[in-house]
């Protein structure tokens, strides 16, 4: 049995879930579509009603800032204000927004395919990346597992470690150590 929260927090969690469920039951599940032609106020209302942002409450969310565009390290809001993104979009835009070389590479790739599942399929960009990563890796590291997030990479690393010991005929070696409160991603 998995314990998701402390016993002391459970009543609050239950109460907040009941409130959220009753609130969402009374709201429309099919709002008029936002085709980009709605007012800023309506855009923010749709956001508050239908989007649950990371790191905030579903029932009492923090305010959000409507982005119009981004360039380099700056985010321009629909209000005209400009912000410096000191977190690089959670460390995913280290080269800045709207970087010409990255935009060109994405556009070129989209002409062939945006994405295909990797189960049983492959493609040249994947083999090119794998070859480069193996070339840059220390001797003995010659396999690459591609994933799309830090939390998936941690999960896969754990599974690989368990599988390693299983293949060494030591299936009982499956205890894991972790730092209490250690950060491995958002999930």
C-alpha atoms as a PDB file:
ATOM      1  CA  UNK A   1       0.000   0.000   0.000  1.00  0.00           C
ATOM      2  CA  UNK A   2       1.368   3.403  -0.963  1.00  0.00           C
ATOM      3  CA  UNK A   3       1.035   6.287   1.485  1.00  0.00           C
ATOM      4  CA  UNK A   4       0.654   9.521  -0.455  1.00  0.00           C
ATOM      5  CA  UNK A   5       0.620  11.904   2.484  1.00  0.00           C
ATOM      6  CA  UNK A   6       0.870  11.980   6.235  1.00  0.00           C
ATOM      7  CA  UNK A   7      -2.114  10.953   8.352  1.00  0.00           C
ATOM      8  CA  UNK A   8      -2.436  14.529   9.594  1.00  0.00           C
ATOM      9  CA  UNK A   9      -2.736  15.882   6.037  1.00  0.00           C
ATOM     10  CA  UNK A  10      -5.333  13.353   4.829  1.00  0.00           C
ATOM     11  CA  UNK A  11      -8.473  15.131   6.174  1.00  0.00           C
ATOM     12  CA  UNK A  12      -7.380  18.386   4.501  1.00  0.00           C
ATOM     13  CA  UNK A  13      -6.617  16.524   1.272  1.00  0.00           C
ATOM     14  CA  UNK A  14     -10.037  14.812   1.324  1.00  0.00           C
ATOM     15  CA  UNK A  15     -11.833  18.120   2.022  1.00  0.00           C
ATOM     16  CA  UNK A  16      -9.969  19.909  -0.797  1.00  0.00           C
ATOM     17  CA  UNK A  17     -10.672  17.048  -3.227  1.00  0.00           C
ATOM     18  CA  UNK A  18     -14.392  17.109  -2.358  1.00  0.00           C
ATOM     19  CA  UNK A  19     -14.487  20.894  -2.891  1.00  0.00           C
ATOM     20  CA  UNK A  20     -12.678  20.583  -6.216  1.00  0.00           C
ATOM     21  CA  UNK A  21     -14.964  17.803  -7.417  1.00  0.00           C
ATOM     22  CA  UNK A  22     -18.142  19.654  -6.428  1.00  0.00           C
ATOM     23  CA  UNK A  23     -16.859  22.883  -7.987  1.00  0.00           C
ATOM     24  CA  UNK A  24     -15.907  21.165 -11.228  1.00  0.00           C
ATOM     25  CA  UNK A  25     -19.284  19.382 -11.386  1.00  0.00           C
ATOM     26  CA  UNK A  26     -21.076  22.735 -11.439  1.00  0.00           C
ATOM     27  CA  UNK A  27     -18.800  24.240 -14.113  1.00  0.00           C
ATOM     28  CA  UNK A  28     -19.207  23.690 -17.814  1.00  0.00           C
ATOM     29  CA  UNK A  29     -16.986  20.954 -19.190  1.00  0.00           C
ATOM     30  CA  UNK A  30     -17.229  22.387 -22.686  1.00  0.00           C
ATOM     31  CA  UNK A  31     -16.375  26.096 -22.696  1.00  0.00           C
ATOM     32  CA  UNK A  32     -16.419  28.036 -25.937  1.00  0.00           C
ATOM     33  CA  UNK A  33     -13.110  27.392 -27.689  1.00  0.00           C
ATOM     34  CA  UNK A  34     -10.308  29.912 -27.328  1.00  0.00           C
ATOM     35  CA  UNK A  35      -9.219  30.386 -30.923  1.00  0.00           C
ATOM     36  CA  UNK A  36      -6.940  33.243 -29.936  1.00  0.00           C
ATOM     37  CA  UNK A  37      -9.637  35.837 -30.534  1.00  0.00           C
ATOM     38  CA  UNK A  38     -11.009  36.057 -26.976  1.00  0.00           C
ATOM     39  CA  UNK A  39     -10.252  38.921 -24.616  1.00  0.00           C
ATOM     40  CA  UNK A  40      -7.357  38.705 -22.178  1.00  0.00           C
ATOM     41  CA  UNK A  41      -9.865  38.514 -19.316  1.00  0.00           C
ATOM     42  CA  UNK A  42     -11.689  35.567 -20.949  1.00  0.00           C
ATOM     43  CA  UNK A  43      -8.344  33.884 -21.704  1.00  0.00           C
ATOM     44  CA  UNK A  44      -7.408  34.108 -18.002  1.00  0.00           C
ATOM     45  CA  UNK A  45     -10.891  32.935 -16.952  1.00  0.00           C
ATOM     46  CA  UNK A  46     -10.545  29.824 -19.151  1.00  0.00           C
ATOM     47  CA  UNK A  47      -7.124  29.244 -17.609  1.00  0.00           C
ATOM     48  CA  UNK A  48      -8.456  29.510 -14.037  1.00  0.00           C
ATOM     49  CA  UNK A  49     -11.425  27.265 -14.814  1.00  0.00           C
ATOM     50  CA  UNK A  50      -9.743  24.513 -16.822  1.00  0.00           C
ATOM     51  CA  UNK A  51      -5.980  24.467 -16.262  1.00  0.00           C
ATOM     52  CA  UNK A  52      -4.170  23.178 -13.196  1.00  0.00           C
ATOM     53  CA  UNK A  53      -0.656  24.613 -13.175  1.00  0.00           C
ATOM     54  CA  UNK A  54       2.319  22.968 -11.466  1.00  0.00           C
ATOM     55  CA  UNK A  55       3.193  23.991  -7.900  1.00  0.00           C
ATOM     56  CA  UNK A  56      -0.162  25.550  -7.094  1.00  0.00           C
ATOM     57  CA  UNK A  57      -3.467  24.527  -5.584  1.00  0.00           C
ATOM     58  CA  UNK A  58      -6.281  23.324  -7.807  1.00  0.00           C
ATOM     59  CA  UNK A  59      -8.880  25.093  -5.655  1.00  0.00           C
ATOM     60  CA  UNK A  60      -7.003  28.323  -4.865  1.00  0.00           C
ATOM     61  CA  UNK A  61      -4.440  28.717  -7.648  1.00  0.00           C
ATOM     62  CA  UNK A  62      -1.722  31.315  -7.709  1.00  0.00           C
ATOM     63  CA  UNK A  63      -2.068  34.007 -10.394  1.00  0.00           C
ATOM     64  CA  UNK A  64      -0.604  33.309 -13.826  1.00  0.00           C
ATOM     65  CA  UNK A  65       1.046  35.726 -16.223  1.00  0.00           C
ATOM     66  CA  UNK A  66      -0.182  35.573 -19.847  1.00  0.00           C
ATOM     67  CA  UNK A  67       2.744  35.214 -22.259  1.00  0.00           C
ATOM     68  CA  UNK A  68       2.549  36.696 -25.754  1.00  0.00           C
ATOM     69  CA  UNK A  69       6.014  35.707 -26.991  1.00  0.00           C
ATOM     70  CA  UNK A  70       9.572  34.991 -25.882  1.00  0.00           C
ATOM     71  CA  UNK A  71      12.970  35.935 -27.298  1.00  0.00           C
ATOM     72  CA  UNK A  72      16.401  35.173 -25.854  1.00  0.00           C
ATOM     73  CA  UNK A  73      16.042  35.305 -22.066  1.00  0.00           C
ATOM     74  CA  UNK A  74      13.010  37.611 -22.120  1.00  0.00           C
ATOM     75  CA  UNK A  75       9.345  36.704 -21.852  1.00  0.00           C
ATOM     76  CA  UNK A  76       6.926  39.337 -23.124  1.00  0.00           C
ATOM     77  CA  UNK A  77       3.534  39.305 -21.446  1.00  0.00           C
ATOM     78  CA  UNK A  78       0.253  40.137 -23.172  1.00  0.00           C
ATOM     79  CA  UNK A  79       0.108  43.209 -20.931  1.00  0.00           C
ATOM     80  CA  UNK A  80       3.301  44.524 -22.579  1.00  0.00           C
ATOM     81  CA  UNK A  81       5.485  43.858 -19.528  1.00  0.00           C
ATOM     82  CA  UNK A  82       8.784  42.092 -20.095  1.00  0.00           C
ATOM     83  CA  UNK A  83      10.311  39.509 -17.740  1.00  0.00           C
ATOM     84  CA  UNK A  84      13.804  38.007 -17.580  1.00  0.00           C
ATOM     85  CA  UNK A  85      13.487  34.208 -17.400  1.00  0.00           C
ATOM     86  CA  UNK A  86      16.201  33.350 -14.896  1.00  0.00           C
ATOM     87  CA  UNK A  87      15.128  29.689 -14.788  1.00  0.00           C
ATOM     88  CA  UNK A  88      15.395  29.045 -18.546  1.00  0.00           C
ATOM     89  CA  UNK A  89      11.887  27.621 -18.607  1.00  0.00           C
ATOM     90  CA  UNK A  90      12.727  25.079 -15.901  1.00  0.00           C
ATOM     91  CA  UNK A  91      16.160  24.529 -17.387  1.00  0.00           C
ATOM     92  CA  UNK A  92      14.752  23.549 -20.812  1.00  0.00           C
ATOM     93  CA  UNK A  93      15.623  26.705 -22.754  1.00  0.00           C
ATOM     94  CA  UNK A  94      19.299  27.109 -21.916  1.00  0.00           C
ATOM     95  CA  UNK A  95      20.008  28.697 -25.300  1.00  0.00           C
ATOM     96  CA  UNK A  96      17.132  31.137 -24.965  1.00  0.00           C
ATOM     97  CA  UNK A  97      13.792  31.389 -26.681  1.00  0.00           C
ATOM     98  CA  UNK A  98      13.401  31.740 -30.435  1.00  0.00           C
ATOM     99  CA  UNK A  99      17.036  30.809 -31.081  1.00  0.00           C
ATOM    100  CA  UNK A 100      17.404  30.893 -34.895  1.00  0.00           C
ATOM    101  CA  UNK A 101      19.495  27.696 -35.168  1.00  0.00           C
ATOM    102  CA  UNK A 102      17.132  25.728 -32.911  1.00  0.00           C
ATOM    103  CA  UNK A 103      14.026  27.066 -34.683  1.00  0.00           C
ATOM    104  CA  UNK A 104      15.520  26.058 -38.044  1.00  0.00           C
ATOM    105  CA  UNK A 105      16.370  22.552 -36.781  1.00  0.00           C
ATOM    106  CA  UNK A 106      12.836  22.092 -35.412  1.00  0.00           C
ATOM    107  CA  UNK A 107      11.277  23.353 -38.648  1.00  0.00           C
ATOM    108  CA  UNK A 108      13.462  21.009 -40.718  1.00  0.00           C
ATOM    109  CA  UNK A 109      12.567  18.044 -38.498  1.00  0.00           C
ATOM    110  CA  UNK A 110       8.835  18.838 -38.601  1.00  0.00           C
ATOM    111  CA  UNK A 111       8.913  18.535 -42.396  1.00  0.00           C
ATOM    112  CA  UNK A 112       9.762  14.820 -41.953  1.00  0.00           C
ATOM    113  CA  UNK A 113       8.001  13.972 -38.673  1.00  0.00           C
ATOM    114  CA  UNK A 114       7.339  15.602 -35.337  1.00  0.00           C
ATOM    115  CA  UNK A 115       7.514  12.419 -33.295  1.00  0.00           C
ATOM    116  CA  UNK A 116       7.087   8.680 -33.545  1.00  0.00           C
ATOM    117  CA  UNK A 117       7.023   6.199 -30.701  1.00  0.00           C
ATOM    118  CA  UNK A 118      10.355   4.522 -30.090  1.00  0.00           C
ATOM    119  CA  UNK A 119       8.963   1.067 -29.302  1.00  0.00           C
ATOM    120  CA  UNK A 120      10.032  -1.084 -32.259  1.00  0.00           C
ATOM    121  CA  UNK A 121      10.809   1.925 -34.469  1.00  0.00           C
ATOM    122  CA  UNK A 122      13.908   4.018 -35.079  1.00  0.00           C
ATOM    123  CA  UNK A 123      14.912   7.021 -37.174  1.00  0.00           C
ATOM    124  CA  UNK A 124      18.076   8.759 -38.304  1.00  0.00           C
ATOM    125  CA  UNK A 125      17.999  11.655 -35.792  1.00  0.00           C
ATOM    126  CA  UNK A 126      17.944   9.066 -32.959  1.00  0.00           C
ATOM    127  CA  UNK A 127      20.858   7.050 -34.337  1.00  0.00           C
ATOM    128  CA  UNK A 128      22.829  10.230 -35.057  1.00  0.00           C
ATOM    129  CA  UNK A 129      22.307  11.433 -31.477  1.00  0.00           C
ATOM    130  CA  UNK A 130      23.168   8.021 -30.020  1.00  0.00           C
ATOM    131  CA  UNK A 131      26.396   7.867 -32.056  1.00  0.00           C
ATOM    132  CA  UNK A 132      27.442  11.318 -30.831  1.00  0.00           C
ATOM    133  CA  UNK A 133      26.606  10.523 -27.183  1.00  0.00           C
ATOM    134  CA  UNK A 134      28.578   7.247 -27.281  1.00  0.00           C
ATOM    135  CA  UNK A 135      31.501   9.098 -28.876  1.00  0.00           C
ATOM    136  CA  UNK A 136      31.489  11.619 -26.006  1.00  0.00           C
ATOM    137  CA  UNK A 137      31.060   8.983 -23.276  1.00  0.00           C
ATOM    138  CA  UNK A 138      33.855   7.236 -21.341  1.00  0.00           C
ATOM    139  CA  UNK A 139      35.040   3.865 -22.698  1.00  0.00           C
ATOM    140  CA  UNK A 140      32.669   1.024 -21.887  1.00  0.00           C
ATOM    141  CA  UNK A 141      29.525   3.117 -22.106  1.00  0.00           C
ATOM    142  CA  UNK A 142      28.087   2.197 -25.464  1.00  0.00           C
ATOM    143  CA  UNK A 143      24.311   2.113 -24.947  1.00  0.00           C
ATOM    144  CA  UNK A 144      21.918   5.061 -24.896  1.00  0.00           C
ATOM    145  CA  UNK A 145      18.366   5.176 -23.540  1.00  0.00           C
ATOM    146  CA  UNK A 146      16.443   8.224 -24.759  1.00  0.00           C
ATOM    147  CA  UNK A 147      13.671   9.647 -22.578  1.00  0.00           C
ATOM    148  CA  UNK A 148      11.778  12.899 -22.303  1.00  0.00           C
ATOM    149  CA  UNK A 149      12.114  13.974 -18.668  1.00  0.00           C
ATOM    150  CA  UNK A 150      14.219  13.744 -15.545  1.00  0.00           C
ATOM    151  CA  UNK A 151      11.658  11.723 -13.623  1.00  0.00           C
ATOM    152  CA  UNK A 152      11.416   9.165 -16.456  1.00  0.00           C
ATOM    153  CA  UNK A 153      15.210   8.946 -16.538  1.00  0.00           C
ATOM    154  CA  UNK A 154      15.298   8.184 -12.789  1.00  0.00           C
ATOM    155  CA  UNK A 155      12.569   5.549 -13.137  1.00  0.00           C
ATOM    156  CA  UNK A 156      14.388   3.873 -16.040  1.00  0.00           C
ATOM    157  CA  UNK A 157      17.734   3.996 -14.206  1.00  0.00           C
ATOM    158  CA  UNK A 158      16.145   2.174 -11.257  1.00  0.00           C
ATOM    159  CA  UNK A 159      14.650  -0.454 -13.573  1.00  0.00           C
ATOM    160  CA  UNK A 160      18.029  -0.875 -15.305  1.00  0.00           C
ATOM    161  CA  UNK A 161      19.782  -1.382 -11.977  1.00  0.00           C
ATOM    162  CA  UNK A 162      17.257  -4.041 -10.906  1.00  0.00           C
ATOM    163  CA  UNK A 163      17.574  -5.747 -14.304  1.00  0.00           C
ATOM    164  CA  UNK A 164      21.381  -5.672 -14.079  1.00  0.00           C
ATOM    165  CA  UNK A 165      21.375  -7.631 -10.816  1.00  0.00           C
ATOM    166  CA  UNK A 166      18.721 -10.002 -12.151  1.00  0.00           C
ATOM    167  CA  UNK A 167      20.927 -10.795 -15.160  1.00  0.00           C
ATOM    168  CA  UNK A 168      23.884 -11.354 -12.796  1.00  0.00           C
ATOM    169  CA  UNK A 169      21.771 -14.067 -11.098  1.00  0.00           C
ATOM    170  CA  UNK A 170      21.286 -11.908  -8.001  1.00  0.00           C
ATOM    171  CA  UNK A 171      17.559 -11.056  -8.257  1.00  0.00           C
ATOM    172  CA  UNK A 172      17.400 -10.463  -4.495  1.00  0.00           C
ATOM    173  CA  UNK A 173      19.502  -7.294  -4.884  1.00  0.00           C
ATOM    174  CA  UNK A 174      16.702  -4.815  -5.337  1.00  0.00           C
ATOM    175  CA  UNK A 175      16.884  -2.465  -2.367  1.00  0.00           C
ATOM    176  CA  UNK A 176      17.263   1.189  -3.248  1.00  0.00           C
ATOM    177  CA  UNK A 177      18.699   4.017  -1.202  1.00  0.00           C
ATOM    178  CA  UNK A 178      17.537   7.569  -1.531  1.00  0.00           C
ATOM    179  CA  UNK A 179      18.085  10.840   0.216  1.00  0.00           C
ATOM    180  CA  UNK A 180      15.137  11.753   2.414  1.00  0.00           C
ATOM    181  CA  UNK A 181      13.452  14.651   0.646  1.00  0.00           C
ATOM    182  CA  UNK A 182      15.770  14.192  -2.338  1.00  0.00           C
ATOM    183  CA  UNK A 183      14.672  15.760  -5.607  1.00  0.00           C
ATOM    184  CA  UNK A 184      14.400  13.570  -8.698  1.00  0.00           C
ATOM    185  CA  UNK A 185      11.817  15.466 -10.714  1.00  0.00           C
ATOM    186  CA  UNK A 186       8.242  16.608 -10.293  1.00  0.00           C
ATOM    187  CA  UNK A 187       6.525  13.225 -10.280  1.00  0.00           C
END
